[in-house]
N, C-alpha and C. Protein backbone atom coordinates (compact mmCIF):
# COMPACT_ATOMS: atom_id res chain seq x y z
N UNK A 1 40.29 1.39 -8.77
CA UNK A 1 38.91 1.27 -8.04
C UNK A 1 39.36 0.05 -6.99
N UNK A 2 39.33 0.20 -5.72
CA UNK A 2 39.14 -0.77 -4.82
C UNK A 2 37.98 -1.26 -4.57
N UNK A 3 37.78 -2.63 -4.50
CA UNK A 3 36.28 -3.28 -4.18
C UNK A 3 36.49 -4.32 -3.14
N UNK A 4 35.48 -4.23 -2.30
CA UNK A 4 35.28 -5.46 -1.27
C UNK A 4 33.69 -5.70 -1.54
N UNK A 5 33.57 -6.82 -0.81
CA UNK A 5 32.00 -7.41 -1.11
C UNK A 5 30.79 -6.21 -0.98
N UNK A 6 31.03 -5.28 0.24
CA UNK A 6 29.90 -4.36 -0.06
C UNK A 6 30.34 -3.00 -0.02
N UNK A 7 31.78 -2.70 -0.10
CA UNK A 7 32.32 -1.25 -0.05
C UNK A 7 33.21 -1.23 -1.43
N UNK A 8 33.52 0.05 -1.80
CA UNK A 8 34.50 0.29 -2.79
C UNK A 8 35.01 1.94 -2.74
N UNK A 9 36.07 2.03 -3.33
CA UNK A 9 36.61 3.36 -3.41
C UNK A 9 36.63 3.52 -4.83
N UNK A 10 36.35 4.65 -5.21
CA UNK A 10 36.28 5.04 -6.65
C UNK A 10 36.57 6.64 -6.85
N UNK A 11 37.50 7.10 -7.72
CA UNK A 11 37.91 8.52 -8.06
C UNK A 11 36.45 9.05 -8.45
N UNK A 12 36.60 10.25 -7.96
CA UNK A 12 35.26 11.20 -8.17
C UNK A 12 35.29 11.47 -9.99
N UNK A 13 36.28 11.30 -10.52
CA UNK A 13 36.20 11.63 -12.07
C UNK A 13 35.51 10.34 -12.62
N UNK A 14 35.69 9.09 -12.10
CA UNK A 14 35.10 7.87 -12.58
C UNK A 14 33.55 7.78 -12.24
N UNK A 15 33.29 8.57 -11.03
CA UNK A 15 31.83 8.65 -10.44
C UNK A 15 30.98 9.64 -11.38
N UNK A 16 31.76 10.66 -12.10
CA UNK A 16 30.97 11.81 -12.86
C UNK A 16 30.79 11.29 -14.20
N UNK A 17 31.52 10.19 -14.70
CA UNK A 17 31.44 9.97 -15.89
C UNK A 17 30.27 8.45 -16.02
N UNK A 18 30.31 7.86 -14.84
CA UNK A 18 29.26 6.83 -14.78
C UNK A 18 28.35 7.00 -13.64
N UNK A 19 27.85 7.81 -13.29
CA UNK A 19 27.02 8.33 -12.18
C UNK A 19 25.86 7.45 -12.00
N UNK A 20 25.17 6.88 -13.14
CA UNK A 20 24.12 6.10 -13.09
C UNK A 20 24.39 4.69 -12.74
N UNK A 21 25.58 4.06 -12.86
CA UNK A 21 26.15 2.92 -12.67
C UNK A 21 26.18 2.76 -11.05
N UNK A 22 26.70 3.99 -10.55
CA UNK A 22 26.95 3.95 -9.22
C UNK A 22 25.80 4.17 -8.45
N UNK A 23 24.76 4.89 -8.97
CA UNK A 23 23.45 4.85 -8.21
C UNK A 23 23.09 3.33 -8.35
N UNK A 24 23.21 2.69 -9.41
CA UNK A 24 22.27 1.31 -9.33
C UNK A 24 23.27 0.52 -8.19
N UNK A 25 24.39 0.48 -8.27
CA UNK A 25 25.33 -0.11 -7.19
C UNK A 25 24.90 -0.06 -5.90
N UNK A 26 24.57 1.31 -5.70
CA UNK A 26 24.33 1.75 -4.30
C UNK A 26 22.83 1.14 -3.86
N UNK A 27 22.08 1.48 -4.90
CA UNK A 27 20.30 1.25 -4.48
C UNK A 27 20.38 -0.19 -4.51
N UNK A 28 20.40 -0.81 -5.78
CA UNK A 28 20.12 -2.28 -6.01
C UNK A 28 21.13 -3.48 -5.43
N UNK A 29 22.43 -2.90 -5.54
CA UNK A 29 23.31 -3.91 -5.21
C UNK A 29 23.60 -3.66 -3.65
N UNK A 30 23.22 -2.73 -3.02
CA UNK A 30 23.27 -2.40 -1.45
C UNK A 30 24.79 -2.38 -1.08
N UNK A 31 25.55 -1.63 -1.97
CA UNK A 31 26.97 -1.38 -2.12
C UNK A 31 27.20 -0.20 -1.36
N UNK A 32 28.35 0.02 -0.65
CA UNK A 32 28.97 1.53 -0.32
C UNK A 32 29.82 1.92 -1.13
N UNK A 33 29.89 3.11 -1.77
CA UNK A 33 31.01 3.73 -2.58
C UNK A 33 31.17 4.82 -1.87
N UNK A 34 32.91 4.75 -1.78
CA UNK A 34 33.54 5.95 -1.20
C UNK A 34 34.38 6.47 -2.33
N UNK A 35 33.76 8.13 -2.49
CA UNK A 35 34.19 8.72 -3.62
C UNK A 35 35.45 9.38 -3.02
N UNK A 36 36.57 9.47 -3.91
CA UNK A 36 37.85 9.93 -3.59
C UNK A 36 38.40 10.95 -4.41
N UNK A 37 39.09 11.93 -4.33
CA UNK A 37 39.78 13.13 -4.94
C UNK A 37 41.12 12.97 -4.54
N UNK A 38 42.07 12.85 -5.56
CA UNK A 38 43.47 12.83 -5.13
C UNK A 38 43.78 11.70 -4.24
N UNK A 39 42.99 10.51 -4.27
CA UNK A 39 43.29 9.37 -3.08
C UNK A 39 42.79 9.75 -1.75
N UNK A 40 42.18 10.56 -1.28
CA UNK A 40 41.58 11.08 -0.26
C UNK A 40 39.98 10.85 -0.32
N UNK A 41 39.22 10.04 0.56
CA UNK A 41 37.93 10.01 0.47
C UNK A 41 37.33 11.30 0.79
N UNK A 42 36.23 11.87 -0.07
CA UNK A 42 35.62 13.18 0.10
C UNK A 42 34.13 12.82 0.38
N UNK A 43 33.41 11.99 -0.10
CA UNK A 43 31.99 11.31 0.20
C UNK A 43 31.87 9.91 0.18
N UNK A 44 30.75 9.40 0.92
CA UNK A 44 30.40 8.32 0.68
C UNK A 44 29.08 8.29 0.57
N UNK A 45 28.75 7.23 -0.71
CA UNK A 45 27.27 6.79 -1.05
C UNK A 45 26.96 5.60 -0.28
N UNK A 46 25.59 5.65 0.47
CA UNK A 46 25.50 4.51 1.00
C UNK A 46 23.79 4.32 0.93
N UNK A 47 23.45 3.02 0.67
CA UNK A 47 22.01 2.74 0.56
C UNK A 47 21.05 3.12 1.63
N UNK A 48 19.93 3.78 1.61
CA UNK A 48 19.09 4.03 2.64
C UNK A 48 18.34 2.69 3.05
N UNK A 49 18.43 2.54 4.35
CA UNK A 49 18.03 1.30 4.96
C UNK A 49 16.24 1.57 5.15
N UNK A 50 15.53 0.43 5.04
CA UNK A 50 14.23 0.66 5.00
C UNK A 50 13.81 -0.76 5.89
N UNK A 51 12.64 -0.85 6.31
CA UNK A 51 12.17 -2.06 7.33
C UNK A 51 11.41 -3.04 6.35
N UNK A 52 11.39 -2.92 5.05
CA UNK A 52 10.79 -3.88 4.30
C UNK A 52 11.41 -5.06 4.05
N UNK A 53 10.93 -6.19 3.92
CA UNK A 53 11.47 -7.57 4.10
C UNK A 53 12.55 -7.53 2.78
N UNK A 54 13.60 -8.29 3.06
CA UNK A 54 14.48 -8.24 1.86
C UNK A 54 14.42 -9.47 1.14
N UNK A 55 14.37 -9.37 -0.11
CA UNK A 55 14.43 -10.43 -1.14
C UNK A 55 15.26 -10.52 -2.03
N UNK A 56 16.25 -11.71 -2.12
CA UNK A 56 17.33 -11.83 -3.15
C UNK A 56 17.08 -12.49 -4.23
N UNK A 57 17.99 -12.32 -5.01
CA UNK A 57 18.07 -13.08 -6.24
C UNK A 57 17.52 -12.16 -7.50
N UNK A 58 17.30 -13.14 -8.73
CA UNK A 58 16.52 -12.35 -9.79
C UNK A 58 15.36 -11.51 -9.71
N UNK A 59 14.81 -12.15 -8.60
CA UNK A 59 13.29 -11.59 -8.66
C UNK A 59 13.36 -10.45 -7.63
N UNK A 60 14.31 -10.16 -7.10
CA UNK A 60 14.44 -8.88 -6.04
C UNK A 60 13.92 -7.68 -6.60
N UNK A 61 12.87 -7.24 -5.62
CA UNK A 61 12.38 -5.95 -6.09
C UNK A 61 10.85 -6.14 -6.95
N UNK A 62 10.56 -7.47 -7.13
CA UNK A 62 9.37 -7.65 -7.89
C UNK A 62 8.42 -8.18 -6.79
N UNK A 63 8.51 -8.55 -5.75
CA UNK A 63 7.52 -8.81 -4.94
C UNK A 63 6.94 -8.10 -3.96
N UNK A 64 5.71 -8.26 -3.66
CA UNK A 64 5.05 -7.05 -2.86
C UNK A 64 4.64 -7.99 -1.64
N UNK A 65 4.79 -7.83 -0.27
CA UNK A 65 4.19 -8.49 0.67
C UNK A 65 3.26 -7.64 1.34
N UNK A 66 1.82 -8.52 1.38
CA UNK A 66 0.43 -7.76 1.64
C UNK A 66 0.34 -8.62 3.07
N UNK A 67 0.18 -8.19 4.13
CA UNK A 67 -0.31 -8.82 5.25
C UNK A 67 0.93 -9.61 6.00
N UNK A 68 0.31 -10.77 6.73
CA UNK A 68 1.17 -11.54 7.63
C UNK A 68 1.72 -12.82 6.79
N UNK A 69 3.10 -12.73 6.26
CA UNK A 69 3.49 -14.13 5.66
C UNK A 69 4.11 -15.22 6.51
N UNK A 70 4.11 -14.73 7.72
CA UNK A 70 4.81 -15.87 8.72
C UNK A 70 3.62 -16.67 9.39
N UNK A 71 2.79 -16.36 9.98
CA UNK A 71 1.82 -16.86 10.69
C UNK A 71 0.71 -17.66 10.03
N UNK A 72 0.08 -18.70 10.44
CA UNK A 72 -0.69 -19.50 9.58
C UNK A 72 -2.03 -18.79 9.67
N UNK A 73 -2.79 -19.18 8.79
CA UNK A 73 -4.14 -18.60 8.26
C UNK A 73 -4.87 -19.61 8.99
N UNK A 74 -5.87 -19.04 10.00
CA UNK A 74 -6.58 -19.85 10.78
C UNK A 74 -8.25 -19.96 10.47
N UNK A 75 -8.61 -19.03 9.87
CA UNK A 75 -9.97 -18.96 9.52
C UNK A 75 -10.56 -19.40 8.08
N UNK A 76 -9.69 -19.87 7.55
CA UNK A 76 -9.82 -20.19 6.06
C UNK A 76 -9.88 -21.90 6.07
N UNK A 77 -11.04 -22.21 5.35
CA UNK A 77 -11.33 -23.46 5.21
C UNK A 77 -10.79 -24.06 3.85
N UNK A 78 -9.97 -25.00 4.20
CA UNK A 78 -9.12 -25.56 2.93
C UNK A 78 -9.96 -26.35 2.31
N UNK A 79 -9.72 -26.68 0.89
CA UNK A 79 -10.43 -27.70 0.13
C UNK A 79 -10.25 -29.05 0.57
N UNK A 80 -9.06 -29.15 1.01
CA UNK A 80 -8.82 -30.78 1.42
C UNK A 80 -9.33 -31.19 2.86
N UNK A 81 -9.81 -30.21 3.76
CA UNK A 81 -10.58 -30.39 4.86
C UNK A 81 -12.15 -30.69 4.69
N UNK A 82 -12.71 -30.72 3.65
CA UNK A 82 -13.99 -30.87 3.29
C UNK A 82 -14.33 -32.45 3.35
């Protein structure tokens, strides 16, 4: 198996035996997996790109962004302002 930071080549027989591990690599690890047969590439597994904000680290996938997290809140009176 050849591996680079975001791409790897794997024989079809290995993917067949460990299908769920490669699905996790592609979906969670954001890696591309090129599946080979007799040393020649036959298919490529790639993650689907979405427009959702990307969070990294051990909390990845556990945070839901609701509303605008960049711009300040203007209509809220803070306790310290009283």
